[in-house]
Each structure stands twice: as structure tokens, then as C-alpha cells.
């Protein structure tokens, strides 16, 4: 959404520069291209960071599930006078 708004604002600025000299116009185009490249790079970095956070959270959830399974097997073993391994098989 921000990228679209940025493109719209830069496009409006570029149109207002239509009466400027060619060198000024070229400088404006270069600035627009630089801003677009920066926006794209920052967006990709934000997505990569978010994906890394999601992956880490998924690993923590998996570990928590394993811990719950182990605790349940231990509790069942105590209740039924079994080893944790025997209870986990049930």
C-alpha cells in the first residue's frame, strides 16, 4: 500500500516538473528510480524478517508440543505404573 502511495506521489511530482530543463528532468527520473529501488529493497527486507520470525515461532511451537507429549507420557506412566517409554507407546 505504501509503495503505491509513494509511486503516486512521485508520479505527481514528476508531472509538475514537465516544464523543467532536460537535465533537471533526468535528475528527477533518477531520484524516482532510486526511491523505487529503496522501497523495493526495504519491502523485501521486511518480508524476510517477518518470515524468519514466523519460522522461529513455528519451531518453538513444535518444541512446546513435544514437551507436552513427553509430560503426558510421564504422567500416564506414573498413573499406570509404567515407564515413560511404555506409556508413550499406548
PDB file of N, CA and C in Angstrom:
ATOM      1  N   UNK A   1       0.830  -1.183   0.000  1.00  0.00           N
ATOM      2  CA  UNK A   1       0.000   0.000   0.000  1.00  0.00           C
ATOM      3  C   UNK A   1       0.877   1.250   0.000  1.00  0.00           C
ATOM      4  N   UNK A   2       1.932   1.248   0.814  1.00  0.00           N
ATOM      5  CA  UNK A   2       2.813   2.401   0.870  1.00  0.00           C
ATOM      6  C   UNK A   2       3.534   2.591  -0.458  1.00  0.00           C
ATOM      7  N   UNK A   3       3.871   1.484  -1.090  1.00  0.00           N
ATOM      8  CA  UNK A   3       4.576   1.549  -2.364  1.00  0.00           C
ATOM      9  C   UNK A   3       3.708   2.245  -3.406  1.00  0.00           C
ATOM     10  N   UNK A   4       2.429   1.919  -3.418  1.00  0.00           N
ATOM     11  CA  UNK A   4       1.511   2.536  -4.377  1.00  0.00           C
ATOM     12  C   UNK A   4       1.386   4.028  -4.104  1.00  0.00           C
ATOM     13  N   UNK A   5       1.264   4.382  -2.818  1.00  0.00           N
ATOM     14  CA  UNK A   5       1.149   5.795  -2.456  1.00  0.00           C
ATOM     15  C   UNK A   5       2.429   6.542  -2.813  1.00  0.00           C
ATOM     16  N   UNK A   6       3.562   5.907  -2.601  1.00  0.00           N
ATOM     17  CA  UNK A   6       4.837   6.527  -2.936  1.00  0.00           C
ATOM     18  C   UNK A   6       4.955   6.727  -4.437  1.00  0.00           C
ATOM     19  N   UNK A   7       4.569   5.740  -5.206  1.00  0.00           N
ATOM     20  CA  UNK A   7       4.616   5.845  -6.659  1.00  0.00           C
ATOM     21  C   UNK A   7       3.686   6.966  -7.138  1.00  0.00           C
ATOM     22  N   UNK A   8       2.504   7.058  -6.555  1.00  0.00           N
ATOM     23  CA  UNK A   8       1.559   8.103  -6.951  1.00  0.00           C
ATOM     24  C   UNK A   8       2.122   9.487  -6.634  1.00  0.00           C
ATOM     25  N   UNK A   9       2.708   9.647  -5.462  1.00  0.00           N
ATOM     26  CA  UNK A   9       3.268  10.949  -5.075  1.00  0.00           C
ATOM     27  C   UNK A   9       4.448  11.307  -5.961  1.00  0.00           C
ATOM     28  N   UNK A  10       5.292  10.351  -6.242  1.00  0.00           N
ATOM     29  CA  UNK A  10       6.451  10.613  -7.093  1.00  0.00           C
ATOM     30  C   UNK A  10       6.005  10.913  -8.518  1.00  0.00           C
ATOM     31  N   UNK A  11       4.984  10.220  -8.988  1.00  0.00           N
ATOM     32  CA  UNK A  11       4.460  10.484 -10.325  1.00  0.00           C
ATOM     33  C   UNK A  11       3.896  11.896 -10.426  1.00  0.00           C
ATOM     34  N   UNK A  12       3.177  12.322  -9.403  1.00  0.00           N
ATOM     35  CA  UNK A  12       2.633  13.681  -9.393  1.00  0.00           C
ATOM     36  C   UNK A  12       3.758  14.704  -9.397  1.00  0.00           C
ATOM     37  N   UNK A  13       4.792  14.439  -8.638  1.00  0.00           N
ATOM     38  CA  UNK A  13       5.930  15.355  -8.615  1.00  0.00           C
ATOM     39  C   UNK A  13       6.620  15.379  -9.968  1.00  0.00           C
ATOM     40  N   UNK A  14       6.727  14.235 -10.610  1.00  0.00           N
ATOM     41  CA  UNK A  14       7.368  14.163 -11.914  1.00  0.00           C
ATOM     42  C   UNK A  14       6.580  14.951 -12.961  1.00  0.00           C
ATOM     43  N   UNK A  15       5.262  14.888 -12.884  1.00  0.00           N
ATOM     44  CA  UNK A  15       4.439  15.640 -13.835  1.00  0.00           C
ATOM     45  C   UNK A  15       4.592  17.143 -13.652  1.00  0.00           C
ATOM     46  N   UNK A  16       4.760  17.582 -12.416  1.00  0.00           N
ATOM     47  CA  UNK A  16       4.906  19.024 -12.171  1.00  0.00           C
ATOM     48  C   UNK A  16       6.241  19.548 -12.664  1.00  0.00           C
ATOM     49  N   UNK A  17       7.157  18.647 -12.890  1.00  0.00           N
ATOM     50  CA  UNK A  17       8.471  19.048 -13.388  1.00  0.00           C
ATOM     51  C   UNK A  17       8.555  19.046 -14.915  1.00  0.00           C
ATOM     52  N   UNK A  18       7.451  18.857 -15.583  1.00  0.00           N
ATOM     53  CA  UNK A  18       7.448  18.735 -17.041  1.00  0.00           C
ATOM     54  C   UNK A  18       8.026  19.960 -17.733  1.00  0.00           C
ATOM     55  N   UNK A  19       7.908  21.109 -17.139  1.00  0.00           N
ATOM     56  CA  UNK A  19       8.405  22.335 -17.757  1.00  0.00           C
ATOM     57  C   UNK A  19       9.888  22.563 -17.488  1.00  0.00           C
ATOM     58  N   UNK A  20      10.507  21.744 -16.702  1.00  0.00           N
ATOM     59  CA  UNK A  20      11.916  21.929 -16.350  1.00  0.00           C
ATOM     60  C   UNK A  20      12.831  21.510 -17.493  1.00  0.00           C
ATOM     61  N   UNK A  21      14.069  21.863 -17.345  1.00  0.00           N
ATOM     62  CA  UNK A  21      15.048  21.509 -18.367  1.00  0.00           C
ATOM     63  C   UNK A  21      15.262  20.009 -18.404  1.00  0.00           C
ATOM     64  N   UNK A  22      15.907  19.544 -19.473  1.00  0.00           N
ATOM     65  CA  UNK A  22      16.141  18.112 -19.613  1.00  0.00           C
ATOM     66  C   UNK A  22      17.005  17.558 -18.501  1.00  0.00           C
ATOM     67  N   UNK A  23      18.013  18.261 -18.091  1.00  0.00           N
ATOM     68  CA  UNK A  23      18.895  17.749 -17.034  1.00  0.00           C
ATOM     69  C   UNK A  23      18.154  17.663 -15.703  1.00  0.00           C
ATOM     70  N   UNK A  24      17.323  18.642 -15.427  1.00  0.00           N
ATOM     71  CA  UNK A  24      16.533  18.610 -14.197  1.00  0.00           C
ATOM     72  C   UNK A  24      15.544  17.458 -14.253  1.00  0.00           C
ATOM     73  N   UNK A  25      14.965  17.239 -15.411  1.00  0.00           N
ATOM     74  CA  UNK A  25      14.010  16.146 -15.590  1.00  0.00           C
ATOM     75  C   UNK A  25      14.704  14.798 -15.409  1.00  0.00           C
ATOM     76  N   UNK A  26      15.921  14.691 -15.967  1.00  0.00           N
ATOM     77  CA  UNK A  26      16.670  13.442 -15.816  1.00  0.00           C
ATOM     78  C   UNK A  26      17.010  13.196 -14.352  1.00  0.00           C
ATOM     79  N   UNK A  27      17.380  14.249 -13.640  1.00  0.00           N
ATOM     80  CA  UNK A  27      17.679  14.117 -12.219  1.00  0.00           C
ATOM     81  C   UNK A  27      16.451  13.653 -11.435  1.00  0.00           C
ATOM     82  N   UNK A  28      15.292  14.179 -11.815  1.00  0.00           N
ATOM     83  CA  UNK A  28      14.055  13.770 -11.154  1.00  0.00           C
ATOM     84  C   UNK A  28      13.762  12.292 -11.428  1.00  0.00           C
ATOM     85  N   UNK A  29      13.972  11.858 -12.669  1.00  0.00           N
ATOM     86  CA  UNK A  29      13.754  10.456 -13.016  1.00  0.00           C
ATOM     87  C   UNK A  29      14.698   9.555 -12.232  1.00  0.00           C
ATOM     88  N   UNK A  30      15.944   9.978 -12.107  1.00  0.00           N
ATOM     89  CA  UNK A  30      16.914   9.199 -11.336  1.00  0.00           C
ATOM     90  C   UNK A  30      16.487   9.098  -9.873  1.00  0.00           C
ATOM     91  N   UNK A  31      15.974  10.197  -9.340  1.00  0.00           N
ATOM     92  CA  UNK A  31      15.512  10.196  -7.950  1.00  0.00           C
ATOM     93  C   UNK A  31      14.328   9.247  -7.771  1.00  0.00           C
ATOM     94  N   UNK A  32      13.420   9.263  -8.747  1.00  0.00           N
ATOM     95  CA  UNK A  32      12.259   8.366  -8.692  1.00  0.00           C
ATOM     96  C   UNK A  32      12.718   6.913  -8.738  1.00  0.00           C
ATOM     97  N   UNK A  33      13.639   6.615  -9.646  1.00  0.00           N
ATOM     98  CA  UNK A  33      14.140   5.246  -9.752  1.00  0.00           C
ATOM     99  C   UNK A  33      14.851   4.827  -8.465  1.00  0.00           C
ATOM    100  N   UNK A  34      15.611   5.739  -7.875  1.00  0.00           N
ATOM    101  CA  UNK A  34      16.284   5.441  -6.612  1.00  0.00           C
ATOM    102  C   UNK A  34      15.296   5.190  -5.491  1.00  0.00           C
ATOM    103  N   UNK A  35      14.250   6.011  -5.441  1.00  0.00           N
ATOM    104  CA  UNK A  35      13.228   5.834  -4.405  1.00  0.00           C
ATOM    105  C   UNK A  35      12.501   4.508  -4.578  1.00  0.00           C
ATOM    106  N   UNK A  36      12.222   4.157  -5.807  1.00  0.00           N
ATOM    107  CA  UNK A  36      11.549   2.878  -6.077  1.00  0.00           C
ATOM    108  C   UNK A  36      12.448   1.708  -5.666  1.00  0.00           C
ATOM    109  N   UNK A  37      13.734   1.802  -6.000  1.00  0.00           N
ATOM    110  CA  UNK A  37      14.663   0.731  -5.639  1.00  0.00           C
ATOM    111  C   UNK A  37      14.783   0.613  -4.124  1.00  0.00           C
ATOM    112  N   UNK A  38      14.853   1.753  -3.430  1.00  0.00           N
ATOM    113  CA  UNK A  38      14.926   1.736  -1.965  1.00  0.00           C
ATOM    114  C   UNK A  38      13.671   1.125  -1.360  1.00  0.00           C
ATOM    115  N   UNK A  39      12.527   1.489  -1.891  1.00  0.00           N
ATOM    116  CA  UNK A  39      11.259   0.967  -1.382  1.00  0.00           C
ATOM    117  C   UNK A  39      11.186  -0.543  -1.577  1.00  0.00           C
ATOM    118  N   UNK A  40      11.584  -0.991  -2.755  1.00  0.00           N
ATOM    119  CA  UNK A  40      11.555  -2.426  -3.035  1.00  0.00           C
ATOM    120  C   UNK A  40      12.517  -3.177  -2.111  1.00  0.00           C
ATOM    121  N   UNK A  41      13.699  -2.647  -1.936  1.00  0.00           N
ATOM    122  CA  UNK A  41      14.693  -3.280  -1.068  1.00  0.00           C
ATOM    123  C   UNK A  41      14.204  -3.342   0.378  1.00  0.00           C
ATOM    124  N   UNK A  42      13.642  -2.252   0.859  1.00  0.00           N
ATOM    125  CA  UNK A  42      13.137  -2.217   2.237  1.00  0.00           C
ATOM    126  C   UNK A  42      11.959  -3.170   2.424  1.00  0.00           C
ATOM    127  N   UNK A  43      11.114  -3.270   1.421  1.00  0.00           N
ATOM    128  CA  UNK A  43       9.974  -4.184   1.489  1.00  0.00           C
ATOM    129  C   UNK A  43      10.456  -5.625   1.549  1.00  0.00           C
ATOM    130  N   UNK A  44      11.431  -5.959   0.707  1.00  0.00           N
ATOM    131  CA  UNK A  44      11.967  -7.315   0.711  1.00  0.00           C
ATOM    132  C   UNK A  44      12.622  -7.647   2.047  1.00  0.00           C
ATOM    133  N   UNK A  45      13.344  -6.686   2.614  1.00  0.00           N
ATOM    134  CA  UNK A  45      13.990  -6.913   3.918  1.00  0.00           C
ATOM    135  C   UNK A  45      12.946  -7.136   5.009  1.00  0.00           C
ATOM    136  N   UNK A  46      11.858  -6.381   4.967  1.00  0.00           N
ATOM    137  CA  UNK A  46      10.799  -6.535   5.959  1.00  0.00           C
ATOM    138  C   UNK A  46      10.125  -7.903   5.825  1.00  0.00           C
ATOM    139  N   UNK A  47       9.908  -8.337   4.606  1.00  0.00           N
ATOM    140  CA  UNK A  47       9.288  -9.648   4.376  1.00  0.00           C
ATOM    141  C   UNK A  47      10.214 -10.756   4.863  1.00  0.00           C
ATOM    142  N   UNK A  48      11.506 -10.643   4.553  1.00  0.00           N
ATOM    143  CA  UNK A  48      12.465 -11.658   5.004  1.00  0.00           C
ATOM    144  C   UNK A  48      12.494 -11.743   6.529  1.00  0.00           C
ATOM    145  N   UNK A  49      12.471 -10.593   7.167  1.00  0.00           N
ATOM    146  CA  UNK A  49      12.486 -10.556   8.624  1.00  0.00           C
ATOM    147  C   UNK A  49      11.227 -11.191   9.205  1.00  0.00           C
ATOM    148  N   UNK A  50      10.093 -10.895   8.612  1.00  0.00           N
ATOM    149  CA  UNK A  50       8.831 -11.470   9.087  1.00  0.00           C
ATOM    150  C   UNK A  50       8.821 -12.988   8.896  1.00  0.00           C
ATOM    151  N   UNK A  51       9.318 -13.447   7.750  1.00  0.00           N
ATOM    152  CA  UNK A  51       9.362 -14.888   7.501  1.00  0.00           C
ATOM    153  C   UNK A  51      10.271 -15.588   8.505  1.00  0.00           C
ATOM    154  N   UNK A  52      11.396 -14.969   8.837  1.00  0.00           N
ATOM    155  CA  UNK A  52      12.306 -15.556   9.825  1.00  0.00           C
ATOM    156  C   UNK A  52      11.624 -15.647  11.190  1.00  0.00           C
ATOM    157  N   UNK A  53      10.865 -14.622  11.547  1.00  0.00           N
ATOM    158  CA  UNK A  53      10.138 -14.639  12.813  1.00  0.00           C
ATOM    159  C   UNK A  53       9.089 -15.728  12.852  1.00  0.00           C
ATOM    160  N   UNK A  54       8.396 -15.925  11.751  1.00  0.00           N
ATOM    161  CA  UNK A  54       7.371 -16.969  11.672  1.00  0.00           C
ATOM    162  C   UNK A  54       8.018 -18.348  11.783  1.00  0.00           C
ATOM    163  N   UNK A  55       9.154 -18.530  11.099  1.00  0.00           N
ATOM    164  CA  UNK A  55       9.852 -19.823  11.175  1.00  0.00           C
ATOM    165  C   UNK A  55      10.306 -20.123  12.598  1.00  0.00           C
ATOM    166  N   UNK A  56      10.838 -19.114  13.272  1.00  0.00           N
ATOM    167  CA  UNK A  56      11.291 -19.303  14.651  1.00  0.00           C
ATOM    168  C   UNK A  56      10.112 -19.636  15.569  1.00  0.00           C
ATOM    169  N   UNK A  57       9.006 -18.945  15.389  1.00  0.00           N
ATOM    170  CA  UNK A  57       7.820 -19.216  16.208  1.00  0.00           C
ATOM    171  C   UNK A  57       7.304 -20.632  15.957  1.00  0.00           C
ATOM    172  N   UNK A  58       7.341 -21.084  14.717  1.00  0.00           N
ATOM    173  CA  UNK A  58       6.882 -22.434  14.393  1.00  0.00           C
ATOM    174  C   UNK A  58       7.755 -23.484  15.075  1.00  0.00           C
ATOM    175  N   UNK A  59       9.068 -23.243  15.093  1.00  0.00           N
ATOM    176  CA  UNK A  59       9.956 -24.184  15.767  1.00  0.00           C
ATOM    177  C   UNK A  59       9.681 -24.223  17.269  1.00  0.00           C
ATOM    178  N   UNK A  60       9.400 -23.069  17.856  1.00  0.00           N
ATOM    179  CA  UNK A  60       9.101 -23.022  19.284  1.00  0.00           C
ATOM    180  C   UNK A  60       7.790 -23.738  19.601  1.00  0.00           C
ATOM    181  N   UNK A  61       6.802 -23.610  18.728  1.00  0.00           N
ATOM    182  CA  UNK A  61       5.526 -24.310  18.914  1.00  0.00           C
ATOM    183  C   UNK A  61       5.738 -25.818  18.810  1.00  0.00           C
ATOM    184  N   UNK A  62       6.542 -26.245  17.837  1.00  0.00           N
ATOM    185  CA  UNK A  62       6.829 -27.674  17.701  1.00  0.00           C
ATOM    186  C   UNK A  62       7.513 -28.219  18.952  1.00  0.00           C
ATOM    187  N   UNK A  63       8.472 -27.453  19.485  1.00  0.00           N
ATOM    188  CA  UNK A  63       9.174 -27.890  20.689  1.00  0.00           C
ATOM    189  C   UNK A  63       8.211 -27.960  21.877  1.00  0.00           C
ATOM    190  N   UNK A  64       7.330 -26.981  21.981  1.00  0.00           N
ATOM    191  CA  UNK A  64       6.349 -26.984  23.072  1.00  0.00           C
ATOM    192  C   UNK A  64       5.428 -28.199  22.961  1.00  0.00           C
ATOM    193  N   UNK A  65       5.030 -28.550  21.747  1.00  0.00           N
ATOM    194  CA  UNK A  65       4.172 -29.723  21.551  1.00  0.00           C
ATOM    195  C   UNK A  65       4.899 -31.005  21.971  1.00  0.00           C
ATOM    196  N   UNK A  66       6.179 -31.086  21.630  1.00  0.00           N
ATOM    197  CA  UNK A  66       6.960 -32.256  22.053  1.00  0.00           C
ATOM    198  C   UNK A  66       7.051 -32.323  23.576  1.00  0.00           C
ATOM    199  N   UNK A  67       7.242 -31.173  24.205  1.00  0.00           N
ATOM    200  CA  UNK A  67       7.312 -31.130  25.667  1.00  0.00           C
ATOM    201  C   UNK A  67       5.999 -31.586  26.299  1.00  0.00           C
ATOM    202  N   UNK A  68       4.888 -31.182  25.710  1.00  0.00           N
ATOM    203  CA  UNK A  68       3.573 -31.590  26.216  1.00  0.00           C
ATOM    204  C   UNK A  68       3.403 -33.099  26.062  1.00  0.00           C
ATOM    205  N   UNK A  69       3.804 -33.636  24.916  1.00  0.00           N
ATOM    206  CA  UNK A  69       3.703 -35.083  24.702  1.00  0.00           C
ATOM    207  C   UNK A  69       4.548 -35.848  25.719  1.00  0.00           C
ATOM    208  N   UNK A  70       5.760 -35.353  25.962  1.00  0.00           N
ATOM    209  CA  UNK A  70       6.636 -36.015  26.937  1.00  0.00           C
ATOM    210  C   UNK A  70       6.034 -35.964  28.345  1.00  0.00           C
ATOM    211  N   UNK A  71       5.493 -34.808  28.705  1.00  0.00           N
ATOM    212  CA  UNK A  71       4.891 -34.661  30.037  1.00  0.00           C
ATOM    213  C   UNK A  71       3.666 -35.552  30.178  1.00  0.00           C
ATOM    214  N   UNK A  72       2.875 -35.671  29.131  1.00  0.00           N
ATOM    215  CA  UNK A  72       1.687 -36.526  29.172  1.00  0.00           C
ATOM    216  C   UNK A  72       2.085 -37.991  29.327  1.00  0.00           C
ATOM    217  N   UNK A  73       3.130 -38.403  28.609  1.00  0.00           N
ATOM    218  CA  UNK A  73       3.594 -39.794  28.723  1.00  0.00           C
ATOM    219  C   UNK A  73       4.124 -40.071  30.127  1.00  0.00           C
ATOM    220  N   UNK A  74       4.846 -39.102  30.688  1.00  0.00           N
ATOM    221  CA  UNK A  74       5.369 -39.279  32.049  1.00  0.00           C
ATOM    222  C   UNK A  74       4.234 -39.380  33.057  1.00  0.00           C
ATOM    223  N   UNK A  75       3.221 -38.547  32.912  1.00  0.00           N
ATOM    224  CA  UNK A  75       2.079 -38.574  33.827  1.00  0.00           C
ATOM    225  C   UNK A  75       1.317 -39.885  33.696  1.00  0.00           C
ATOM    226  N   UNK A  76       1.110 -40.329  32.461  1.00  0.00           N
ATOM    227  CA  UNK A  76       0.408 -41.596  32.247  1.00  0.00           C
ATOM    228  C   UNK A  76       1.206 -42.753  32.843  1.00  0.00           C
ATOM    229  N   UNK A  77       2.526 -42.704  32.674  1.00  0.00           N
ATOM    230  CA  UNK A  77       3.378 -43.757  33.229  1.00  0.00           C
ATOM    231  C   UNK A  77       3.269 -43.833  34.737  1.00  0.00           C
ATOM    232  N   UNK A  78       3.237 -42.679  35.376  1.00  0.00           N
ATOM    233  CA  UNK A  78       3.105 -42.662  36.843  1.00  0.00           C
ATOM    234  C   UNK A  78       1.760 -43.221  37.276  1.00  0.00           C
ATOM    235  N   UNK A  79       0.699 -42.861  36.569  1.00  0.00           N
ATOM    236  CA  UNK A  79      -0.636 -43.326  36.941  1.00  0.00           C
ATOM    237  C   UNK A  79      -0.809 -44.825  36.726  1.00  0.00           C
ATOM    238  N   UNK A  80      -0.177 -45.354  35.690  1.00  0.00           N
ATOM    239  CA  UNK A  80      -0.371 -46.768  35.358  1.00  0.00           C
ATOM    240  C   UNK A  80       0.828 -47.637  35.732  1.00  0.00           C
ATOM    241  N   UNK A  81       1.734 -47.081  36.526  1.00  0.00           N
ATOM    242  CA  UNK A  81       2.941 -47.814  36.946  1.00  0.00           C
ATOM    243  C   UNK A  81       3.705 -48.365  35.756  1.00  0.00           C
ATOM    244  N   UNK A  82       3.919 -47.514  34.749  1.00  0.00           N
ATOM    245  CA  UNK A  82       4.687 -47.874  33.566  1.00  0.00           C
ATOM    246  C   UNK A  82       5.874 -46.925  33.449  1.00  0.00           C
ATOM    247  N   UNK A  83       6.814 -47.329  32.598  1.00  0.00           N
ATOM    248  CA  UNK A  83       7.881 -46.376  32.268  1.00  0.00           C
ATOM    249  C   UNK A  83       7.316 -45.352  31.296  1.00  0.00           C
ATOM    250  N   UNK A  84       8.011 -44.252  31.177  1.00  0.00           N
ATOM    251  CA  UNK A  84       7.571 -43.213  30.247  1.00  0.00           C
ATOM    252  C   UNK A  84       7.523 -43.741  28.821  1.00  0.00           C
ATOM    253  N   UNK A  85       8.485 -44.592  28.475  1.00  0.00           N
ATOM    254  CA  UNK A  85       8.519 -45.182  27.120  1.00  0.00           C
ATOM    255  C   UNK A  85       7.305 -46.065  26.881  1.00  0.00           C
ATOM    256  N   UNK A  86       6.960 -46.894  27.875  1.00  0.00           N
ATOM    257  CA  UNK A  86       5.782 -47.754  27.727  1.00  0.00           C
ATOM    258  C   UNK A  86       4.501 -46.929  27.622  1.00  0.00           C
ATOM    259  N   UNK A  87       4.415 -45.869  28.401  1.00  0.00           N
ATOM    260  CA  UNK A  87       3.237 -45.012  28.364  1.00  0.00           C
ATOM    261  C   UNK A  87       3.130 -44.264  27.030  1.00  0.00           C
ATOM    262  N   UNK A  88       4.248 -43.900  26.466  1.00  0.00           N
ATOM    263  CA  UNK A  88       4.232 -43.174  25.187  1.00  0.00           C
ATOM    264  C   UNK A  88       3.749 -44.053  24.042  1.00  0.00           C
ATOM    265  N   UNK A  89       3.983 -45.352  24.165  1.00  0.00           N
ATOM    266  CA  UNK A  89       3.557 -46.296  23.127  1.00  0.00           C
ATOM    267  C   UNK A  89       2.043 -46.453  23.114  1.00  0.00           C
ATOM    268  N   UNK A  90       1.435 -46.386  24.288  1.00  0.00           N
ATOM    269  CA  UNK A  90      -0.026 -46.599  24.425  1.00  0.00           C
ATOM    270  C   UNK A  90      -0.782 -45.618  23.601  1.00  0.00           C
TER     271      UNK A  90
END
